[in-house]
């Protein structure tokens, strides 16, 4: 879902470099390109993934900082005055819908085997990534809604940040943000394919997925990369952007609810603060329920797709548990 979301965003910003009204077919080409190229990169050079991610992350952060600095004089605080505020419920549901934008930090865990000194660097990476992300998003969001009218943002909703750079930097700013967005979404797809492929590989090694998932070629988890890319292509080219965002956010809220529930149950074994696990569980479950209730009223299709995916996941686990896991356990002994 997240790869599909990033791919659609990539296509939206890439389309700004072409004719204003590109055909739907051409947009699907851009969406597919955004997934296929990272897939090829992951299949050919893992080291290039790591090196390119570092370079892209530094470059896009530099570009965002430039945009922030140049946009500060153009901020109009009256745009965010109380007169423009909506209901508290709208803030909560909006926050839940875009929750998927904040995810990504969990991919750090999938690369744990490749990290030096994980006892120190893993917690540090989690904390710093979430903290910096929150600061950056709040500043960018404030600048966006303070420099551009609501009507303009609504019209350019798929590339709103690029429009927000125009007051300060003109067309050059629009182009600069579009480039930054292309880099951001491309690197996100690249990193997510990398993380998912290795997650599938590790799960297969532990017998949690069929043994085909631990197939390697030239030292790379080929099957994980291919399956991730194929499913992402299918989702990105068949489901609407708003539905992808809602389903992605709901999925992550469900996953994080289960993770926190597991952590609370295993608190004596794994250590940590049990109250943090419990509070996080309550907030995740509450957020998920609020999101689903709101979405049922506004986009029931997204809710149906979400529960269909849960059904398929449970069905796969039941089938695999009966036919494959016993075979793996017999093979391992």
Protein backbone atom coordinates (compact mmCIF):
# COMPACT_ATOMS: atom_id res chain seq x y z
CA UNK A 1 0.00 0.00 0.00
CA UNK A 2 2.75 2.47 0.89
CA UNK A 3 4.72 1.72 -2.26
CA UNK A 4 1.54 2.27 -4.27
CA UNK A 5 0.93 5.56 -2.43
CA UNK A 6 4.46 6.77 -3.13
CA UNK A 7 4.22 5.69 -6.77
CA UNK A 8 1.00 7.64 -7.35
CA UNK A 9 2.55 10.70 -5.68
CA UNK A 10 5.65 10.28 -7.86
CA UNK A 11 3.49 10.19 -10.98
CA UNK A 12 1.54 13.29 -9.90
CA UNK A 13 4.70 15.36 -9.48
CA UNK A 14 6.36 13.88 -12.57
CA UNK A 15 3.28 14.83 -14.60
CA UNK A 16 3.92 18.54 -13.81
CA UNK A 17 6.94 18.39 -16.13
CA UNK A 18 4.74 17.35 -19.06
CA UNK A 19 1.54 18.65 -20.64
CA UNK A 20 -0.99 19.97 -18.15
CA UNK A 21 -3.61 17.36 -19.01
CA UNK A 22 -1.76 14.08 -19.47
CA UNK A 23 -3.73 10.98 -20.37
CA UNK A 24 -4.61 8.42 -17.68
CA UNK A 25 -2.61 5.83 -19.63
CA UNK A 26 0.55 7.97 -19.46
CA UNK A 27 0.05 8.47 -15.72
CA UNK A 28 -0.12 4.70 -15.27
CA UNK A 29 3.18 4.48 -17.16
CA UNK A 30 4.74 6.93 -14.70
CA UNK A 31 3.30 4.99 -11.76
CA UNK A 32 4.69 1.71 -13.08
CA UNK A 33 8.08 3.28 -13.82
CA UNK A 34 8.28 4.50 -10.20
CA UNK A 35 7.99 0.88 -9.01
CA UNK A 36 9.88 -1.00 -11.73
CA UNK A 37 13.08 1.06 -11.61
CA UNK A 38 13.59 0.60 -7.82
CA UNK A 39 12.77 -3.08 -8.31
CA UNK A 40 15.59 -3.37 -10.86
CA UNK A 41 17.95 -1.46 -8.56
CA UNK A 42 17.17 -3.82 -5.67
CA UNK A 43 17.75 -6.83 -7.92
CA UNK A 44 21.09 -5.61 -9.23
CA UNK A 45 22.89 -3.76 -6.44
CA UNK A 46 22.03 -3.69 -2.74
CA UNK A 47 25.03 -1.46 -2.05
CA UNK A 48 23.70 1.06 -4.58
CA UNK A 49 20.38 1.13 -2.68
CA UNK A 50 22.17 2.13 0.52
CA UNK A 51 24.42 4.68 -1.18
CA UNK A 52 21.63 6.21 -3.27
CA UNK A 53 19.33 6.42 -0.23
CA UNK A 54 21.91 8.40 1.72
CA UNK A 55 22.50 10.82 -1.16
CA UNK A 56 18.80 11.27 -1.95
CA UNK A 57 17.83 11.82 1.69
CA UNK A 58 20.51 14.50 2.16
CA UNK A 59 19.56 16.23 -1.10
CA UNK A 60 15.80 16.30 -0.45
CA UNK A 61 16.28 17.59 3.11
CA UNK A 62 18.54 20.37 1.81
CA UNK A 63 15.91 21.30 -0.79
CA UNK A 64 13.15 21.37 1.85
CA UNK A 65 15.26 23.55 4.15
CA UNK A 66 15.85 25.99 1.27
CA UNK A 67 12.10 26.15 0.61
CA UNK A 68 11.36 26.70 4.31
CA UNK A 69 13.89 29.54 4.65
CA UNK A 70 12.73 31.37 1.53
CA UNK A 71 9.04 30.93 2.40
CA UNK A 72 9.20 32.30 5.95
CA UNK A 73 8.70 35.97 4.90
CA UNK A 74 5.56 35.01 2.96
CA UNK A 75 3.73 33.34 5.85
CA UNK A 76 0.31 34.85 6.52
CA UNK A 77 -0.83 33.76 9.96
CA UNK A 78 -4.38 34.95 9.26
CA UNK A 79 -4.73 31.86 7.06
CA UNK A 80 -4.47 29.70 10.17
CA UNK A 81 -6.49 31.97 12.47
CA UNK A 82 -9.25 30.41 14.63
CA UNK A 83 -11.86 31.66 12.15
CA UNK A 84 -10.60 29.04 9.69
CA UNK A 85 -10.52 26.19 12.16
CA UNK A 86 -12.83 23.25 11.74
CA UNK A 87 -14.13 20.86 14.34
CA UNK A 88 -11.79 18.84 16.51
CA UNK A 89 -13.24 15.71 14.97
CA UNK A 90 -12.11 16.78 11.51
CA UNK A 91 -8.55 17.25 12.78
CA UNK A 92 -8.48 13.81 14.34
CA UNK A 93 -9.88 12.00 11.30
CA UNK A 94 -7.61 13.94 8.94
CA UNK A 95 -4.64 13.01 11.09
CA UNK A 96 -5.61 9.35 10.93
CA UNK A 97 -5.99 9.44 7.14
CA UNK A 98 -2.48 10.83 6.66
CA UNK A 99 -0.96 8.60 9.35
CA UNK A 100 0.61 6.57 6.55
CA UNK A 101 2.83 9.58 5.74
CA UNK A 102 4.56 9.22 9.10
CA UNK A 103 5.26 5.54 8.76
CA UNK A 104 8.52 4.28 7.35
CA UNK A 105 10.53 4.28 10.55
CA UNK A 106 9.64 0.61 11.09
CA UNK A 107 11.72 -0.25 8.01
CA UNK A 108 14.78 0.47 10.14
CA UNK A 109 14.10 -2.78 11.99
CA UNK A 110 14.02 -4.74 8.72
CA UNK A 111 17.59 -3.65 8.01
CA UNK A 112 18.82 -4.53 11.51
CA UNK A 113 21.20 -7.19 10.21
CA UNK A 114 23.00 -4.59 8.09
CA UNK A 115 23.40 -1.98 10.87
CA UNK A 116 26.64 -1.56 12.82
CA UNK A 117 26.33 -1.59 16.63
CA UNK A 118 22.53 -2.19 16.57
CA UNK A 119 22.16 -1.97 20.38
CA UNK A 120 23.06 1.71 20.18
CA UNK A 121 22.17 2.72 16.64
CA UNK A 122 18.72 1.12 16.29
CA UNK A 123 17.02 3.01 19.16
CA UNK A 124 18.83 6.19 18.13
CA UNK A 125 17.69 5.80 14.52
CA UNK A 126 14.06 5.25 15.56
CA UNK A 127 13.93 8.23 17.91
CA UNK A 128 15.75 10.68 15.65
CA UNK A 129 13.82 9.72 12.51
CA UNK A 130 10.41 10.17 14.18
CA UNK A 131 11.41 13.41 15.91
CA UNK A 132 12.91 15.03 12.81
CA UNK A 133 9.98 13.86 10.69
CA UNK A 134 7.46 15.47 13.05
CA UNK A 135 9.34 18.77 13.11
CA UNK A 136 9.78 18.84 9.34
CA UNK A 137 6.14 17.96 8.60
CA UNK A 138 4.72 20.54 10.99
CA UNK A 139 6.91 23.31 9.56
CA UNK A 140 6.14 22.36 5.95
CA UNK A 141 2.40 22.05 6.65
CA UNK A 142 2.33 25.44 8.37
CA UNK A 143 4.11 27.11 5.47
CA UNK A 144 1.82 25.44 2.94
CA UNK A 145 -1.48 26.51 4.50
CA UNK A 146 -0.11 29.96 5.42
CA UNK A 147 1.13 30.95 1.97
CA UNK A 148 -1.47 29.44 -0.38
CA UNK A 149 -5.24 29.78 -0.37
CA UNK A 150 -7.48 26.85 0.39
CA UNK A 151 -8.91 26.95 -3.14
CA UNK A 152 -5.45 26.65 -4.72
CA UNK A 153 -4.50 23.79 -2.44
CA UNK A 154 -7.73 21.98 -3.24
CA UNK A 155 -7.18 22.38 -7.00
CA UNK A 156 -3.57 21.20 -6.81
CA UNK A 157 -4.15 18.63 -4.07
CA UNK A 158 -1.86 16.03 -5.68
CA UNK A 159 1.11 18.44 -5.83
CA UNK A 160 0.12 21.07 -3.25
CA UNK A 161 3.61 21.49 -1.79
CA UNK A 162 4.98 22.58 -5.17
CA UNK A 163 2.26 25.23 -5.42
CA UNK A 164 3.15 26.42 -1.90
CA UNK A 165 6.71 27.22 -3.04
CA UNK A 166 5.55 29.62 -5.78
CA UNK A 167 4.92 32.71 -3.59
CA UNK A 168 8.55 32.77 -2.43
CA UNK A 169 10.45 31.24 -5.34
CA UNK A 170 8.11 31.53 -8.32
CA UNK A 171 8.16 28.85 -11.00
CA UNK A 172 11.69 27.91 -9.95
CA UNK A 173 10.32 27.02 -6.52
CA UNK A 174 7.54 24.96 -8.08
CA UNK A 175 10.13 23.02 -10.08
CA UNK A 176 12.43 22.68 -7.08
CA UNK A 177 9.71 21.17 -4.91
CA UNK A 178 8.62 18.85 -7.71
CA UNK A 179 12.19 17.56 -7.98
CA UNK A 180 12.39 17.16 -4.20
CA UNK A 181 9.08 15.26 -4.23
CA UNK A 182 10.30 12.96 -7.00
CA UNK A 183 13.44 12.22 -5.02
CA UNK A 184 11.49 11.71 -1.79
CA UNK A 185 8.92 9.33 -3.27
CA UNK A 186 11.51 7.44 -5.32
CA UNK A 187 13.77 6.92 -2.31
CA UNK A 188 10.76 5.85 -0.22
CA UNK A 189 9.82 3.21 -2.81
CA UNK A 190 13.44 2.09 -3.02
CA UNK A 191 13.74 1.73 0.76
CA UNK A 192 10.35 0.03 1.18
CA UNK A 193 11.10 -2.60 -1.47
CA UNK A 194 14.48 -3.17 0.21
CA UNK A 195 12.89 -3.53 3.65
CA UNK A 196 9.97 -5.70 2.53
CA UNK A 197 12.18 -8.06 0.54
CA UNK A 198 14.47 -8.63 3.52
CA UNK A 199 11.54 -8.98 5.89
CA UNK A 200 10.07 -11.71 3.68
CA UNK A 201 13.47 -13.40 3.49
CA UNK A 202 13.90 -13.43 7.29
CA UNK A 203 10.32 -14.68 7.83
CA UNK A 204 10.88 -17.48 5.32
CA UNK A 205 14.08 -18.48 7.11
CA UNK A 206 12.04 -18.75 10.33
CA UNK A 207 9.31 -20.78 8.62
CA UNK A 208 6.71 -18.00 8.76
CA UNK A 209 6.51 -17.83 4.94
CA UNK A 210 6.94 -20.51 2.24
CA UNK A 211 10.57 -21.44 1.56
CA UNK A 212 10.37 -19.85 -1.91
CA UNK A 213 10.66 -16.47 -0.19
CA UNK A 214 14.20 -17.22 1.00
CA UNK A 215 15.40 -17.89 -2.54
CA UNK A 216 18.49 -15.83 -3.29
CA UNK A 217 20.27 -15.02 -6.53
CA UNK A 218 23.62 -13.21 -6.42
CA UNK A 219 23.06 -12.79 -2.68
CA UNK A 220 19.77 -10.92 -3.12
CA UNK A 221 16.24 -11.97 -1.99
CA UNK A 222 14.86 -12.08 -5.53
CA UNK A 223 11.45 -13.54 -4.71
CA UNK A 224 10.71 -10.94 -2.05
CA UNK A 225 11.60 -8.10 -4.40
CA UNK A 226 9.51 -9.46 -7.27
CA UNK A 227 6.41 -10.25 -5.20
CA UNK A 228 6.54 -6.85 -3.48
CA UNK A 229 6.82 -5.06 -6.83
CA UNK A 230 4.06 -7.08 -8.52
CA UNK A 231 1.53 -6.52 -5.71
CA UNK A 232 2.45 -2.83 -5.56
CA UNK A 233 1.94 -2.44 -9.32
CA UNK A 234 -1.50 -4.04 -9.05
CA UNK A 235 -2.62 -1.80 -6.17
CA UNK A 236 -1.17 1.44 -7.58
CA UNK A 237 -2.83 0.99 -10.97
CA UNK A 238 -6.28 -0.11 -9.76
CA UNK A 239 -7.09 1.78 -6.52
CA UNK A 240 -7.69 5.53 -6.13
CA UNK A 241 -5.13 7.67 -4.28
CA UNK A 242 -7.50 8.61 -1.42
CA UNK A 243 -8.42 4.96 -0.90
CA UNK A 244 -4.76 3.91 -0.89
CA UNK A 245 -4.00 6.52 1.79
CA UNK A 246 -6.94 5.44 3.96
CA UNK A 247 -6.20 1.71 3.61
CA UNK A 248 -2.49 2.28 4.21
CA UNK A 249 -3.13 4.31 7.36
CA UNK A 250 -5.67 1.81 8.68
CA UNK A 251 -3.30 -1.07 7.98
CA UNK A 252 -0.44 0.54 9.87
CA UNK A 253 -2.67 1.48 12.79
CA UNK A 254 -3.79 -2.16 12.95
CA UNK A 255 -0.20 -3.43 12.74
CA UNK A 256 1.05 -1.04 15.40
CA UNK A 257 -1.90 -1.99 17.63
CA UNK A 258 -0.90 -5.64 17.36
CA UNK A 259 2.77 -4.84 17.96
CA UNK A 260 1.96 -2.86 21.11
CA UNK A 261 -0.41 -5.58 22.30
CA UNK A 262 2.33 -8.16 21.80
CA UNK A 263 4.87 -5.97 23.60
CA UNK A 264 2.50 -5.53 26.54
CA UNK A 265 1.85 -9.27 26.72
CA UNK A 266 5.60 -10.04 26.61
CA UNK A 267 6.58 -7.12 28.86
CA UNK A 268 8.28 -9.32 31.46
CA UNK A 269 10.36 -11.05 28.82
CA UNK A 270 11.38 -8.08 26.67
CA UNK A 271 11.54 -5.40 29.37
CA UNK A 272 10.66 -1.79 28.74
CA UNK A 273 7.94 0.39 30.20
CA UNK A 274 4.62 -1.47 30.26
CA UNK A 275 2.64 1.78 30.49
CA UNK A 276 4.14 2.99 27.21
CA UNK A 277 3.01 -0.23 25.53
CA UNK A 278 -0.47 0.05 27.03
CA UNK A 279 -0.98 3.75 26.24
CA UNK A 280 0.31 3.24 22.70
CA UNK A 281 -2.09 0.32 22.26
CA UNK A 282 -5.07 2.38 23.44
CA UNK A 283 -4.20 5.29 21.15
CA UNK A 284 -3.63 3.04 18.11
CA UNK A 285 -6.90 1.13 18.59
CA UNK A 286 -8.86 4.35 19.21
CA UNK A 287 -7.33 6.00 16.14
CA UNK A 288 -8.13 2.99 13.99
CA UNK A 289 -11.77 2.93 15.13
CA UNK A 290 -12.17 6.67 14.51
CA UNK A 291 -10.68 6.32 11.05
CA UNK A 292 -12.92 3.39 10.09
CA UNK A 293 -16.07 5.10 11.42
CA UNK A 294 -15.28 8.28 9.48
CA UNK A 295 -14.39 6.34 6.33
CA UNK A 296 -17.62 4.32 6.46
CA UNK A 297 -19.49 7.60 6.01
CA UNK A 298 -17.22 9.07 3.33
CA UNK A 299 -15.66 6.14 1.42
CA UNK A 300 -17.15 2.75 2.18
CA UNK A 301 -15.18 1.16 -0.70
CA UNK A 302 -11.90 1.80 1.14
CA UNK A 303 -13.27 0.05 4.24
CA UNK A 304 -14.40 -2.95 2.18
CA UNK A 305 -10.96 -3.23 0.56
CA UNK A 306 -9.28 -2.95 3.97
CA UNK A 307 -11.31 -5.81 5.45
CA UNK A 308 -10.85 -7.84 2.27
CA UNK A 309 -7.09 -7.57 2.69
CA UNK A 310 -7.38 -8.69 6.31
CA UNK A 311 -9.48 -11.65 5.17
CA UNK A 312 -6.89 -12.63 2.56
CA UNK A 313 -4.09 -12.32 5.13
CA UNK A 314 -5.90 -14.54 7.63
CA UNK A 315 -6.78 -17.02 4.89
CA UNK A 316 -3.16 -17.21 3.76
CA UNK A 317 -2.01 -17.79 7.34
CA UNK A 318 -4.55 -20.58 7.83
CA UNK A 319 -3.64 -22.30 4.58
CA UNK A 320 0.09 -21.87 5.08
CA UNK A 321 -0.12 -23.00 8.70
CA UNK A 322 -1.67 -26.28 7.67
CA UNK A 323 0.32 -27.12 4.53
CA UNK A 324 3.72 -25.48 4.79
CA UNK A 325 4.78 -24.84 8.37
CA UNK A 326 4.74 -28.50 9.37
CA UNK A 327 6.93 -29.21 6.35
CA UNK A 328 9.38 -26.49 7.43
CA UNK A 329 9.57 -27.80 10.99
CA UNK A 330 10.22 -31.30 9.70
CA UNK A 331 12.93 -30.00 7.37
CA UNK A 332 14.59 -27.92 10.11
CA UNK A 333 14.97 -30.97 12.34
